[in-house]
C-alpha cells in the first residue's frame, strides 16, 4: 500500500515520443539533453524472468517499452493490477491479497485499466516478430552495417515508417529518410562503435560503446523493435550508467 501511495504522487516517466511531435528532416537542430526529465529506461530481461526460455514468448509483448510508457497513463492501483495480472500472471485472489482489497475490486480495476489502454492506442500491436534465427540475422546485419558505416546496408534494414528517439534528447525522428539521414550524417563512422547484443524489456537490444582513443567507453543501450525482417523503432538510451547495470564493462580495450 505504501508503494501505491508513492506511485500516486509520482510523475510518469516518458519517452521523447510522448512529449513532442517528431521531426522528418534529419538536418534540424537537435535539442540539448534534458537531464531533469525522469525518462523511461530499459531493464534487463532477467528482471522479468526472461532468462527462462519457457516464459519468453508468453511475456515478451507485455513489457515492451511502448507498453510500459502507456501503462503510466493509468492511476497507480490500475497500473499495479494490470501489471500483476497481465504481465506477471498472478491470480485475481493473489492480487487482492497483495493489494489488500477484494477480488471484485481487482477485476473491476483490471477492466478499467484495459479499457484505458485500448483508448490510448495499441500497445501490444500486431507486431509480426521474426523467429529467433531471423531476428539474430537482422541484429547481426544491423551491427555490421552500423559499425562499418555501411549506409546502403543500414537503409535496407529500416522500415519506411521507422522511428528513432534518444532519451535524454527530446528530439526524435520518423520516417526512413530522416532516421537514416540522421544516423549516417551525425552518428555512424567506421570503427567508432562497438555494439554487443543483449535483451531489454522483452525486446532485442544492443549495448553501445564508443571509441575514445585506444579503447571503447560505455555510451548507452539501443532497444530495437522489429516487424518482420525490418527495424520499426530504435530507442537509443544515451546513458553510460545503464551499461554496467546490464552487466557489461564500462570500458572495452581495442
Protein backbone atom coordinates (compact mmCIF):
# COMPACT_ATOMS: atom_id res chain seq x y z
CA UNK A 1 0.00 0.00 0.00
CA UNK A 2 2.89 2.34 0.72
CA UNK A 3 4.16 1.71 -2.81
CA UNK A 4 0.76 2.58 -4.29
CA UNK A 5 0.67 5.80 -2.28
CA UNK A 6 4.11 6.71 -3.57
CA UNK A 7 3.09 5.97 -7.15
CA UNK A 8 0.03 8.20 -6.83
CA UNK A 9 2.25 11.20 -6.21
CA UNK A 10 4.92 10.38 -8.75
CA UNK A 11 5.06 11.80 -12.27
CA UNK A 12 5.16 9.37 -15.18
CA UNK A 13 8.44 8.56 -16.90
CA UNK A 14 8.08 9.43 -20.60
CA UNK A 15 9.95 8.83 -23.81
CA UNK A 16 10.57 11.74 -26.19
CA UNK A 17 7.72 10.48 -28.41
CA UNK A 18 5.34 11.12 -25.53
CA UNK A 19 6.29 14.78 -25.16
CA UNK A 20 6.59 16.37 -28.60
CA UNK A 21 5.94 15.90 -32.31
CA UNK A 22 8.54 14.02 -34.40
CA UNK A 23 10.91 15.52 -36.95
CA UNK A 24 11.00 14.22 -40.51
CA UNK A 25 14.14 16.14 -41.52
CA UNK A 26 17.47 14.99 -40.09
CA UNK A 27 19.00 18.43 -40.68
CA UNK A 28 17.05 20.08 -37.87
CA UNK A 29 18.85 21.34 -34.80
CA UNK A 30 18.81 18.57 -32.23
CA UNK A 31 17.68 19.73 -28.80
CA UNK A 32 20.10 19.63 -25.90
CA UNK A 33 19.94 16.79 -23.42
CA UNK A 34 17.21 17.23 -20.85
CA UNK A 35 18.52 15.61 -17.67
CA UNK A 36 15.74 17.00 -15.47
CA UNK A 37 13.09 14.77 -17.08
CA UNK A 38 12.70 11.38 -15.33
CA UNK A 39 12.99 9.43 -18.59
CA UNK A 40 11.71 5.91 -19.04
CA UNK A 41 14.64 3.48 -19.02
CA UNK A 42 15.25 -0.08 -20.20
CA UNK A 43 15.54 -3.04 -17.87
CA UNK A 44 17.39 -6.35 -18.41
CA UNK A 45 15.15 -9.25 -19.40
CA UNK A 46 16.35 -11.17 -16.34
CA UNK A 47 14.29 -8.84 -14.16
CA UNK A 48 11.14 -10.14 -15.84
CA UNK A 49 12.13 -13.80 -15.77
CA UNK A 50 13.09 -13.75 -19.45
CA UNK A 51 16.28 -15.64 -18.72
CA UNK A 52 13.90 -18.63 -18.58
CA UNK A 53 13.08 -19.69 -22.18
CA UNK A 54 9.71 -21.05 -21.06
CA UNK A 55 8.36 -17.56 -20.39
CA UNK A 56 10.00 -15.57 -23.17
CA UNK A 57 7.28 -15.86 -25.81
CA UNK A 58 4.35 -15.55 -23.40
CA UNK A 59 5.61 -12.42 -21.70
CA UNK A 60 7.52 -10.58 -24.39
CA UNK A 61 4.83 -8.13 -25.57
CA UNK A 62 3.71 -7.41 -22.02
CA UNK A 63 6.85 -5.49 -21.11
CA UNK A 64 7.63 -3.66 -24.33
CA UNK A 65 8.77 -0.08 -23.93
CA UNK A 66 5.57 1.04 -25.64
CA UNK A 67 3.50 -0.90 -23.13
CA UNK A 68 5.43 0.49 -20.18
CA UNK A 69 5.06 4.05 -21.47
CA UNK A 70 1.31 3.60 -21.97
CA UNK A 71 0.98 1.91 -18.59
CA UNK A 72 1.88 5.16 -16.90
CA UNK A 73 -1.32 6.78 -18.15
CA UNK A 74 -3.15 4.71 -15.55
CA UNK A 75 -3.81 5.52 -11.89
CA UNK A 76 -1.46 3.70 -9.53
CA UNK A 77 -3.90 0.98 -8.45
CA UNK A 78 -4.97 0.16 -12.02
CA UNK A 79 -1.31 0.10 -13.03
CA UNK A 80 -0.49 -2.35 -10.24
CA UNK A 81 -3.44 -4.61 -11.03
CA UNK A 82 -2.69 -4.72 -14.75
CA UNK A 83 0.99 -5.49 -14.15
CA UNK A 84 0.28 -8.20 -11.58
CA UNK A 85 -2.47 -9.86 -13.64
CA UNK A 86 -1.48 -9.40 -17.29
CA UNK A 87 2.32 -9.23 -17.08
CA UNK A 88 3.23 -11.32 -14.04
CA UNK A 89 0.19 -13.63 -14.32
CA UNK A 90 -0.85 -13.68 -10.68
CA UNK A 91 -4.38 -14.93 -9.98
CA UNK A 92 -7.13 -12.49 -9.02
CA UNK A 93 -7.27 -13.74 -5.44
CA UNK A 94 -3.50 -13.37 -5.06
CA UNK A 95 -3.59 -9.81 -6.36
CA UNK A 96 -6.45 -8.98 -3.99
CA UNK A 97 -4.36 -10.20 -1.06
CA UNK A 98 -1.29 -8.24 -2.20
CA UNK A 99 -3.26 -5.01 -2.56
CA UNK A 100 -5.44 -5.54 0.50
CA UNK A 101 -8.67 -5.41 -1.50
CA UNK A 102 -11.35 -7.77 -2.84
CA UNK A 103 -11.30 -9.97 -5.95
CA UNK A 104 -14.29 -7.99 -7.27
CA UNK A 105 -12.35 -4.75 -6.93
CA UNK A 106 -9.35 -6.30 -8.69
CA UNK A 107 -11.48 -7.45 -11.63
CA UNK A 108 -13.11 -4.02 -11.86
CA UNK A 109 -9.75 -2.23 -11.84
CA UNK A 110 -8.41 -4.61 -14.46
CA UNK A 111 -11.35 -3.94 -16.80
CA UNK A 112 -10.93 -0.17 -16.42
CA UNK A 113 -7.18 -0.41 -16.99
CA UNK A 114 -7.55 -2.48 -20.16
CA UNK A 115 -10.20 -0.08 -21.47
CA UNK A 116 -7.97 2.93 -20.80
CA UNK A 117 -5.02 1.37 -22.61
CA UNK A 118 -7.25 0.45 -25.55
CA UNK A 119 -8.31 4.09 -25.82
CA UNK A 120 -4.69 5.25 -25.62
CA UNK A 121 -3.77 3.19 -28.66
CA UNK A 122 -2.41 -0.27 -29.47
CA UNK A 123 0.38 -1.12 -27.08
CA UNK A 124 0.85 -4.79 -27.83
CA UNK A 125 0.20 -4.10 -31.52
CA UNK A 126 0.11 -6.67 -34.27
CA UNK A 127 3.87 -6.99 -34.37
CA UNK A 128 4.97 -9.79 -36.63
CA UNK A 129 8.27 -10.52 -34.96
CA UNK A 130 10.73 -12.70 -36.84
CA UNK A 131 11.66 -16.03 -35.30
CA UNK A 132 14.81 -16.22 -33.21
CA UNK A 133 17.08 -17.16 -36.10
CA UNK A 134 15.73 -14.42 -38.37
CA UNK A 135 15.90 -11.93 -35.51
CA UNK A 136 19.53 -12.80 -34.89
CA UNK A 137 20.25 -12.26 -38.58
CA UNK A 138 18.65 -8.80 -38.50
CA UNK A 139 20.69 -7.87 -35.43
CA UNK A 140 23.92 -9.20 -36.94
CA UNK A 141 23.27 -7.25 -40.13
CA UNK A 142 22.46 -4.10 -38.15
CA UNK A 143 25.62 -4.36 -36.04
CA UNK A 144 27.70 -4.93 -39.15
CA UNK A 145 26.15 -2.01 -41.04
CA UNK A 146 26.37 0.30 -38.02
CA UNK A 147 29.96 -0.45 -37.10
CA UNK A 148 31.24 -0.38 -40.69
CA UNK A 149 29.15 2.70 -41.51
CA UNK A 150 27.64 0.88 -44.48
CA UNK A 151 24.91 3.35 -45.40
CA UNK A 152 23.22 1.20 -48.04
CA UNK A 153 23.09 -1.89 -45.80
CA UNK A 154 21.64 0.16 -42.95
CA UNK A 155 18.96 1.65 -45.21
CA UNK A 156 17.86 -1.82 -46.30
CA UNK A 157 17.18 -2.80 -42.68
CA UNK A 158 14.83 0.10 -41.89
CA UNK A 159 11.09 0.11 -42.45
CA UNK A 160 9.65 3.06 -44.37
CA UNK A 161 7.87 4.22 -41.19
CA UNK A 162 10.79 3.63 -38.83
CA UNK A 163 11.06 5.89 -35.78
CA UNK A 164 14.04 6.83 -33.64
CA UNK A 165 14.27 8.51 -30.25
CA UNK A 166 17.24 9.15 -27.98
CA UNK A 167 16.43 9.96 -24.34
CA UNK A 168 17.58 12.22 -22.70
CA UNK A 169 17.45 14.15 -26.00
CA UNK A 170 13.87 15.36 -26.61
CA UNK A 171 14.22 15.44 -30.42
CA UNK A 172 13.01 12.32 -32.22
CA UNK A 173 12.62 11.32 -35.86
CA UNK A 174 10.11 9.50 -38.01
CA UNK A 175 10.46 8.01 -41.48
CA UNK A 176 13.29 6.14 -43.17
CA UNK A 177 14.74 9.25 -44.81
CA UNK A 178 15.00 11.16 -41.53
CA UNK A 179 16.26 8.26 -39.40
CA UNK A 180 18.76 7.04 -41.97
CA UNK A 181 19.87 10.61 -42.69
CA UNK A 182 20.43 11.35 -39.02
CA UNK A 183 22.41 8.17 -38.40
CA UNK A 184 24.62 8.46 -41.46
CA UNK A 185 25.23 12.20 -41.15
CA UNK A 186 25.67 12.51 -37.40
CA UNK A 187 26.25 9.17 -35.72
CA UNK A 188 27.97 6.32 -37.52
CA UNK A 189 31.59 6.31 -38.62
CA UNK A 190 33.79 3.29 -39.42
CA UNK A 191 35.12 1.63 -36.25
CA UNK A 192 33.61 4.30 -33.98
CA UNK A 193 31.14 1.98 -32.26
CA UNK A 194 31.20 -1.41 -30.56
CA UNK A 195 27.74 -2.99 -30.26
CA UNK A 196 27.02 -6.08 -28.14
CA UNK A 197 23.66 -7.89 -28.39
CA UNK A 198 21.52 -8.23 -25.27
CA UNK A 199 17.82 -8.01 -24.44
CA UNK A 200 15.82 -5.33 -22.63
CA UNK A 201 12.10 -5.10 -21.83
CA UNK A 202 11.44 -8.25 -23.83
CA UNK A 203 13.00 -6.79 -26.97
CA UNK A 204 16.32 -7.17 -28.78
CA UNK A 205 18.84 -4.61 -27.63
CA UNK A 206 22.46 -3.59 -28.10
CA UNK A 207 25.00 -2.34 -25.59
CA UNK A 208 26.81 0.60 -27.19
CA UNK A 209 30.44 1.52 -26.51
CA UNK A 210 32.04 4.47 -28.33
CA UNK A 211 35.70 4.62 -29.29
CA UNK A 212 37.80 7.07 -27.30
CA UNK A 213 41.46 6.88 -28.20
CA UNK A 214 42.66 3.29 -27.88
CA UNK A 215 39.56 1.93 -26.10
CA UNK A 216 35.76 1.98 -26.17
CA UNK A 217 33.79 3.71 -23.42
CA UNK A 218 30.22 2.95 -22.37
CA UNK A 219 27.71 5.10 -24.22
CA UNK A 220 24.24 3.59 -23.72
CA UNK A 221 21.74 1.00 -24.90
CA UNK A 222 19.74 0.71 -28.11
CA UNK A 223 16.42 -1.13 -27.87
CA UNK A 224 15.06 -2.28 -31.23
CA UNK A 225 11.51 -3.04 -32.29
CA UNK A 226 11.34 -5.44 -35.24
CA UNK A 227 8.42 -6.03 -37.57
CA UNK A 228 9.09 -8.84 -39.99
CA UNK A 229 12.72 -8.62 -41.02
CA UNK A 230 12.92 -4.84 -40.68
CA UNK A 231 13.56 -2.37 -37.87
CA UNK A 232 10.46 -0.38 -36.92
CA UNK A 233 11.87 1.62 -33.99
CA UNK A 234 15.24 2.45 -32.49
CA UNK A 235 15.17 3.71 -28.92
CA UNK A 236 18.69 4.77 -28.07
CA UNK A 237 19.13 5.39 -24.35
CA UNK A 238 22.24 7.58 -24.36
CA UNK A 239 23.16 6.99 -20.73
CA UNK A 240 26.53 5.34 -19.97
CA UNK A 241 25.42 4.34 -16.46
CA UNK A 242 22.97 1.84 -17.97
CA UNK A 243 25.78 -0.29 -19.40
CA UNK A 244 27.16 -1.68 -16.11
CA UNK A 245 23.56 -2.06 -14.88
CA UNK A 246 23.18 -4.66 -17.67
CA UNK A 247 26.32 -6.46 -16.52
CA UNK A 248 28.72 -5.08 -19.13
CA UNK A 249 32.08 -3.42 -18.56
CA UNK A 250 32.15 0.39 -18.80
CA UNK A 251 35.40 0.24 -20.79
CA UNK A 252 36.45 -2.19 -23.56
CA UNK A 253 40.02 -2.41 -24.81
CA UNK A 254 40.50 -2.45 -28.58
